[in-house]
Amino acid sequence: MSSTQMLKGILEGCLLAVISEGEIYGYEMTKVLAGYGFSDI
């Protein structure tokens, strides 16, 4: 498995976790993901 595929899978799980916590919009989501270490998104 390539690192790109792993990142997609991990990112998808993180997105689902963020969305499950409540209503959130694009910019807010990028800030939360940056807090998880996804600074290039």
N, C-alpha and C. Protein backbone atom coordinates (compact mmCIF):
# COMPACT_ATOMS: atom_id res chain seq x y z
N MET A 1 0.86 -1.18 0.00
CA MET A 1 0.00 0.00 0.00
C MET A 1 0.90 1.24 0.00
N SER A 2 0.59 2.17 -0.86
CA SER A 2 1.40 3.39 -0.94
C SER A 2 1.01 4.37 0.18
N SER A 3 1.92 5.28 0.45
CA SER A 3 1.64 6.26 1.51
C SER A 3 0.48 7.18 1.14
N THR A 4 0.29 7.41 -0.17
CA THR A 4 -0.84 8.24 -0.61
C THR A 4 -2.16 7.56 -0.28
N GLN A 5 -2.24 6.26 -0.51
CA GLN A 5 -3.47 5.53 -0.20
C GLN A 5 -3.72 5.50 1.30
N MET A 6 -2.66 5.34 2.08
CA MET A 6 -2.82 5.35 3.54
C MET A 6 -3.32 6.71 4.01
N LEU A 7 -2.77 7.78 3.44
CA LEU A 7 -3.20 9.12 3.83
C LEU A 7 -4.67 9.32 3.51
N LYS A 8 -5.11 8.86 2.33
CA LYS A 8 -6.52 8.98 1.97
C LYS A 8 -7.41 8.28 2.99
N GLY A 9 -7.02 7.08 3.39
CA GLY A 9 -7.81 6.33 4.36
C GLY A 9 -7.84 6.99 5.72
N ILE A 10 -6.70 7.46 6.16
CA ILE A 10 -6.62 8.13 7.46
C ILE A 10 -7.40 9.44 7.42
N LEU A 11 -7.24 10.18 6.35
CA LEU A 11 -7.94 11.46 6.21
C LEU A 11 -9.45 11.25 6.20
N GLU A 12 -9.90 10.22 5.49
CA GLU A 12 -11.34 9.94 5.45
C GLU A 12 -11.88 9.66 6.85
N GLY A 13 -11.15 8.87 7.62
CA GLY A 13 -11.57 8.58 8.98
C GLY A 13 -11.61 9.82 9.85
N CYS A 14 -10.62 10.68 9.69
CA CYS A 14 -10.59 11.93 10.46
C CYS A 14 -11.75 12.83 10.08
N LEU A 15 -12.03 12.92 8.79
CA LEU A 15 -13.16 13.73 8.33
C LEU A 15 -14.47 13.23 8.92
N LEU A 16 -14.65 11.92 8.91
CA LEU A 16 -15.87 11.36 9.48
C LEU A 16 -15.97 11.63 10.97
N ALA A 17 -14.86 11.57 11.67
CA ALA A 17 -14.86 11.86 13.11
C ALA A 17 -15.24 13.31 13.37
N VAL A 18 -14.70 14.22 12.56
CA VAL A 18 -15.01 15.64 12.73
C VAL A 18 -16.48 15.90 12.43
N ILE A 19 -16.98 15.33 11.36
CA ILE A 19 -18.38 15.53 10.96
C ILE A 19 -19.33 14.94 12.00
N SER A 20 -18.95 13.82 12.60
CA SER A 20 -19.84 13.18 13.57
C SER A 20 -20.01 14.00 14.85
N GLU A 21 -19.09 14.93 15.10
CA GLU A 21 -19.18 15.76 16.30
C GLU A 21 -20.21 16.88 16.17
N GLY A 22 -20.63 17.18 14.96
CA GLY A 22 -21.63 18.22 14.77
C GLY A 22 -21.47 18.93 13.45
N GLU A 23 -22.34 19.89 13.23
CA GLU A 23 -22.32 20.64 11.98
C GLU A 23 -21.04 21.47 11.88
N ILE A 24 -20.38 21.38 10.74
CA ILE A 24 -19.12 22.09 10.55
C ILE A 24 -18.99 22.45 9.07
N TYR A 25 -18.36 23.56 8.81
CA TYR A 25 -18.19 24.04 7.44
C TYR A 25 -16.74 23.92 7.01
N GLY A 26 -16.50 24.08 5.73
CA GLY A 26 -15.20 23.83 5.12
C GLY A 26 -14.01 24.45 5.83
N TYR A 27 -14.03 25.76 6.05
CA TYR A 27 -12.88 26.42 6.66
C TYR A 27 -12.64 25.92 8.08
N GLU A 28 -13.71 25.75 8.82
CA GLU A 28 -13.58 25.23 10.19
C GLU A 28 -12.98 23.83 10.17
N MET A 29 -13.40 23.03 9.19
CA MET A 29 -12.90 21.66 9.09
C MET A 29 -11.39 21.66 8.82
N THR A 30 -10.93 22.56 7.97
CA THR A 30 -9.49 22.61 7.70
C THR A 30 -8.71 23.01 8.95
N LYS A 31 -9.28 23.87 9.77
CA LYS A 31 -8.61 24.26 11.01
C LYS A 31 -8.52 23.08 11.97
N VAL A 32 -9.59 22.30 12.07
CA VAL A 32 -9.59 21.13 12.95
C VAL A 32 -8.58 20.11 12.44
N LEU A 33 -8.58 19.86 11.13
CA LEU A 33 -7.64 18.90 10.55
C LEU A 33 -6.20 19.36 10.73
N ALA A 34 -5.96 20.65 10.65
CA ALA A 34 -4.61 21.18 10.89
C ALA A 34 -4.19 20.87 12.33
N GLY A 35 -5.13 20.92 13.24
CA GLY A 35 -4.85 20.57 14.63
C GLY A 35 -4.49 19.10 14.80
N TYR A 36 -5.00 18.26 13.90
CA TYR A 36 -4.66 16.83 13.90
C TYR A 36 -3.34 16.56 13.21
N GLY A 37 -2.74 17.59 12.61
CA GLY A 37 -1.45 17.40 11.94
C GLY A 37 -1.51 17.42 10.43
N PHE A 38 -2.69 17.66 9.86
CA PHE A 38 -2.85 17.74 8.41
C PHE A 38 -2.70 19.20 7.99
N SER A 39 -1.53 19.74 8.11
CA SER A 39 -1.32 21.16 7.86
C SER A 39 -1.33 21.54 6.39
N ASP A 40 -1.12 20.60 5.48
CA ASP A 40 -1.07 20.90 4.05
C ASP A 40 -2.44 20.86 3.38
N ILE A 41 -3.47 20.67 4.14
CA ILE A 41 -4.81 20.55 3.55
C ILE A 41 -5.48 21.90 3.52
